[in-house]
Amino acid sequence: MVIISKIPGGAELMNAEEVLKKAGIEAGMKVADFGCGGRAYFTLQASRLVGKDGFVYAIDILKNVLQSVEELAKFYNLNNIKTIWADLEIPGSTKIENESIDFVIITNLFFQTKKHKEILEEALRILKNGGKVFFADWVRTATPLGPPLEMRVKPEEVKKLAEKVGFSFEREFQAGPYHFGLVFKK
């Protein structure tokens, strides 16, 4: 199963498998998907990539989104996904143990909030030393879809904030025709 996020008309928005592999996800990892969303593109693909020895926490503030993720996981027979209802703007709200996660996914989240620092601090708290954060969001140029330009974040701003919080920048890559991808390490 390859999960590809598509836009109306069928054009590819982002290939979750491809970008997660490029970001460094591996079999056996414990993963947290911040703001997983109801279609759970990254949660489902991460579940398959980490395999039976790995685990994925699907985290969102909307309970109906988490119910949708649970139904999708059941439909695809993915038994290594657990949903968590949490407000990622509040430190510690995930209730995930400190330094217990190998890989955090943050996609299309920062344009929806101004609490970027708090979200990155939660990722830092739960990540093991050497753990990675994959961050993807909308490019800051006109695109046929996506949030208004003024709501989009610049990769340079994310890099500065992530480094200020305690991450080291590893690399940047194109995560689809309308998204940039960044990888940070704890």
Protein backbone atom coordinates (compact mmCIF):
# COMPACT_ATOMS: atom_id res chain seq x y z
CA MET A 1 0.00 0.00 0.00
CA VAL A 2 1.38 3.36 -1.03
CA ILE A 3 -0.41 6.34 0.47
CA ILE A 4 -0.30 9.33 -1.84
CA SER A 5 -1.98 12.57 -0.93
CA LYS A 6 -3.89 13.77 -3.99
CA ILE A 7 -5.60 16.98 -4.92
CA PRO A 8 -8.93 17.19 -6.77
CA GLY A 9 -8.37 15.99 -10.30
CA GLY A 10 -5.91 13.35 -9.11
CA ALA A 11 -2.60 15.26 -9.19
CA GLU A 12 -0.09 14.13 -6.57
CA LEU A 13 0.29 16.49 -3.64
CA MET A 14 2.85 14.53 -1.62
CA ASN A 15 4.02 10.91 -1.66
CA ALA A 16 4.14 10.00 2.04
CA GLU A 17 6.28 6.88 1.52
CA GLU A 18 8.84 8.70 -0.59
CA VAL A 19 9.26 11.70 1.69
CA LEU A 20 9.38 9.61 4.88
CA LYS A 21 12.10 7.39 3.40
CA LYS A 22 13.99 10.48 2.27
CA ALA A 23 13.65 11.94 5.77
CA GLY A 24 15.16 8.82 7.35
CA ILE A 25 12.35 6.72 8.80
CA GLU A 26 13.37 3.09 9.35
CA ALA A 27 11.92 -0.24 10.38
CA GLY A 28 11.52 -0.70 14.13
CA MET A 29 11.26 3.01 14.98
CA LYS A 30 8.81 4.56 17.42
CA VAL A 31 7.15 7.48 15.64
CA ALA A 32 4.87 10.37 16.63
CA ASP A 33 2.79 12.08 13.92
CA PHE A 34 1.90 15.56 15.20
CA GLY A 35 -1.42 16.78 13.80
CA CYS A 36 -2.02 13.54 11.92
CA GLY A 37 -5.23 14.64 10.20
CA GLY A 38 -8.27 12.52 9.34
CA ARG A 39 -6.81 10.94 6.23
CA ALA A 40 -3.66 10.02 8.14
CA TYR A 41 -1.43 9.88 5.05
CA PHE A 42 1.75 9.98 7.07
CA THR A 43 0.50 7.91 10.01
CA LEU A 44 -0.55 5.02 7.78
CA GLN A 45 2.61 5.06 5.69
CA ALA A 46 4.83 5.40 8.76
CA SER A 47 3.05 2.40 10.26
CA ARG A 48 3.93 0.28 7.22
CA LEU A 49 7.52 1.55 7.05
CA VAL A 50 8.34 0.91 10.72
CA GLY A 51 6.76 -2.54 10.47
CA LYS A 52 5.65 -4.94 13.18
CA ASP A 53 8.60 -4.04 15.41
CA GLY A 54 7.83 -0.31 15.21
CA PHE A 55 5.03 1.83 16.56
CA VAL A 56 3.23 5.05 15.55
CA TYR A 57 1.37 7.55 17.73
CA ALA A 58 -1.22 9.50 15.71
CA ILE A 59 -1.77 12.78 17.57
CA ASP A 60 -4.47 15.35 16.91
CA ILE A 61 -6.67 17.81 18.78
CA LEU A 62 -9.84 16.74 16.97
CA LYS A 63 -11.47 13.60 18.36
CA ASN A 64 -13.36 12.86 15.13
CA VAL A 65 -10.01 12.89 13.29
CA LEU A 66 -8.64 10.30 15.68
CA GLN A 67 -11.74 8.14 15.21
CA SER A 68 -11.15 8.28 11.45
CA VAL A 69 -7.51 7.24 11.93
CA GLU A 70 -8.59 4.29 14.08
CA GLU A 71 -11.05 3.18 11.38
CA LEU A 72 -8.41 3.47 8.65
CA ALA A 73 -5.87 1.53 10.72
CA LYS A 74 -8.43 -1.22 11.24
CA PHE A 75 -9.38 -1.24 7.54
CA TYR A 76 -5.73 -1.59 6.48
CA ASN A 77 -5.03 -4.08 9.31
CA LEU A 78 -2.33 -1.86 10.84
CA ASN A 79 -2.00 -2.87 14.48
CA ASN A 80 0.94 -0.65 15.43
CA ILE A 81 -0.95 2.67 15.59
CA LYS A 82 -2.26 4.32 18.75
CA THR A 83 -4.23 7.58 18.67
CA ILE A 84 -3.63 10.33 21.21
CA TRP A 85 -5.91 13.29 21.78
CA ALA A 86 -3.69 16.25 22.65
CA ASP A 87 -3.29 19.98 22.19
CA LEU A 88 0.25 20.21 20.83
CA GLU A 89 0.36 23.89 21.83
CA ILE A 90 0.45 22.79 25.48
CA PRO A 91 3.78 21.28 26.62
CA GLY A 92 3.45 17.68 27.80
CA SER A 93 -0.09 17.26 26.49
CA THR A 94 0.80 14.14 24.49
CA LYS A 95 1.70 12.38 27.75
CA ILE A 96 4.33 10.45 25.79
CA GLU A 97 7.31 9.52 27.94
CA ASN A 98 10.38 11.77 27.75
CA GLU A 99 13.05 10.66 25.26
CA SER A 100 11.07 7.63 24.05
CA ILE A 101 10.48 8.44 20.36
CA ASP A 102 12.85 7.96 17.41
CA PHE A 103 11.09 10.05 14.77
CA VAL A 104 8.55 12.92 14.83
CA ILE A 105 6.47 13.95 11.82
CA ILE A 106 5.17 17.52 11.58
CA THR A 107 3.36 18.17 8.29
CA ASN A 108 1.07 21.03 7.28
CA LEU A 109 0.71 22.15 10.89
CA PHE A 110 2.56 25.43 11.33
CA PHE A 111 0.27 27.47 9.07
CA GLN A 112 -2.59 26.53 11.43
CA THR A 113 -1.00 27.90 14.63
CA LYS A 114 1.31 30.56 16.00
CA LYS A 115 2.65 28.29 18.79
CA HIS A 116 5.54 26.89 16.76
CA LYS A 117 8.01 26.99 19.65
CA GLU A 118 5.74 24.96 21.94
CA ILE A 119 5.21 22.30 19.27
CA LEU A 120 8.95 21.97 18.63
CA GLU A 121 9.62 21.84 22.39
CA GLU A 122 7.18 18.92 22.72
CA ALA A 123 8.97 17.14 19.87
CA LEU A 124 12.32 17.75 21.59
CA ARG A 125 10.96 16.46 24.91
CA ILE A 126 9.75 13.12 23.55
CA LEU A 127 12.63 12.46 21.14
CA LYS A 128 15.54 10.24 22.09
CA ASN A 129 19.02 11.70 21.68
CA GLY A 130 19.84 11.29 18.00
CA GLY A 131 16.12 11.20 17.14
CA LYS A 132 14.85 13.09 14.12
CA VAL A 133 12.05 15.47 13.23
CA PHE A 134 10.68 15.55 9.69
CA PHE A 135 8.96 18.86 9.01
CA ALA A 136 7.00 19.63 5.84
CA ASP A 137 4.81 22.57 5.03
CA TRP A 138 3.55 24.63 2.12
CA VAL A 139 6.07 26.59 0.04
CA ARG A 140 5.78 30.35 0.40
CA THR A 141 4.90 30.99 -3.25
CA ALA A 142 1.62 31.07 -5.11
CA THR A 143 0.21 27.58 -5.61
CA PRO A 144 -3.13 26.41 -7.05
CA LEU A 145 -4.22 25.26 -3.59
CA GLY A 146 -3.22 25.53 0.05
CA PRO A 147 -3.52 28.20 2.73
CA PRO A 148 -3.11 31.91 2.00
CA LEU A 149 0.53 32.96 1.51
CA GLU A 150 0.57 35.11 4.65
CA MET A 151 -0.23 32.02 6.76
CA ARG A 152 2.66 29.95 5.39
CA VAL A 153 6.01 29.68 7.16
CA LYS A 154 9.39 30.18 5.57
CA PRO A 155 11.90 27.32 5.83
CA GLU A 156 14.51 29.77 7.19
CA GLU A 157 12.20 30.74 10.06
CA VAL A 158 11.58 27.09 10.95
CA LYS A 159 15.33 26.36 10.87
CA LYS A 160 16.11 29.30 13.19
CA LEU A 161 13.42 28.37 15.67
CA ALA A 162 14.27 24.66 15.66
CA GLU A 163 17.94 25.44 16.31
CA LYS A 164 16.98 27.88 19.09
CA VAL A 165 14.86 25.13 20.73
CA GLY A 166 17.78 22.67 20.59
CA PHE A 167 17.68 20.83 17.26
CA SER A 168 20.45 20.69 14.70
CA PHE A 169 19.52 21.12 11.06
CA GLU A 170 20.41 18.15 8.84
CA ARG A 171 18.97 18.81 5.39
CA GLU A 172 16.26 20.32 3.24
CA PHE A 173 14.51 18.77 0.24
CA GLN A 174 11.44 19.23 -1.93
CA ALA A 175 8.63 17.18 -0.40
CA GLY A 176 6.26 17.47 -3.35
CA PRO A 177 5.36 20.13 -5.87
CA TYR A 178 3.96 22.49 -3.20
CA HIS A 179 5.89 21.55 -0.05
CA PHE A 180 9.36 21.87 1.39
CA GLY A 181 10.82 19.25 3.73
CA LEU A 182 13.28 19.77 6.56
CA VAL A 183 15.03 17.21 8.74
CA PHE A 184 16.34 18.07 12.20
CA LYS A 185 18.21 15.95 14.75
CA LYS A 186 18.17 16.05 18.53
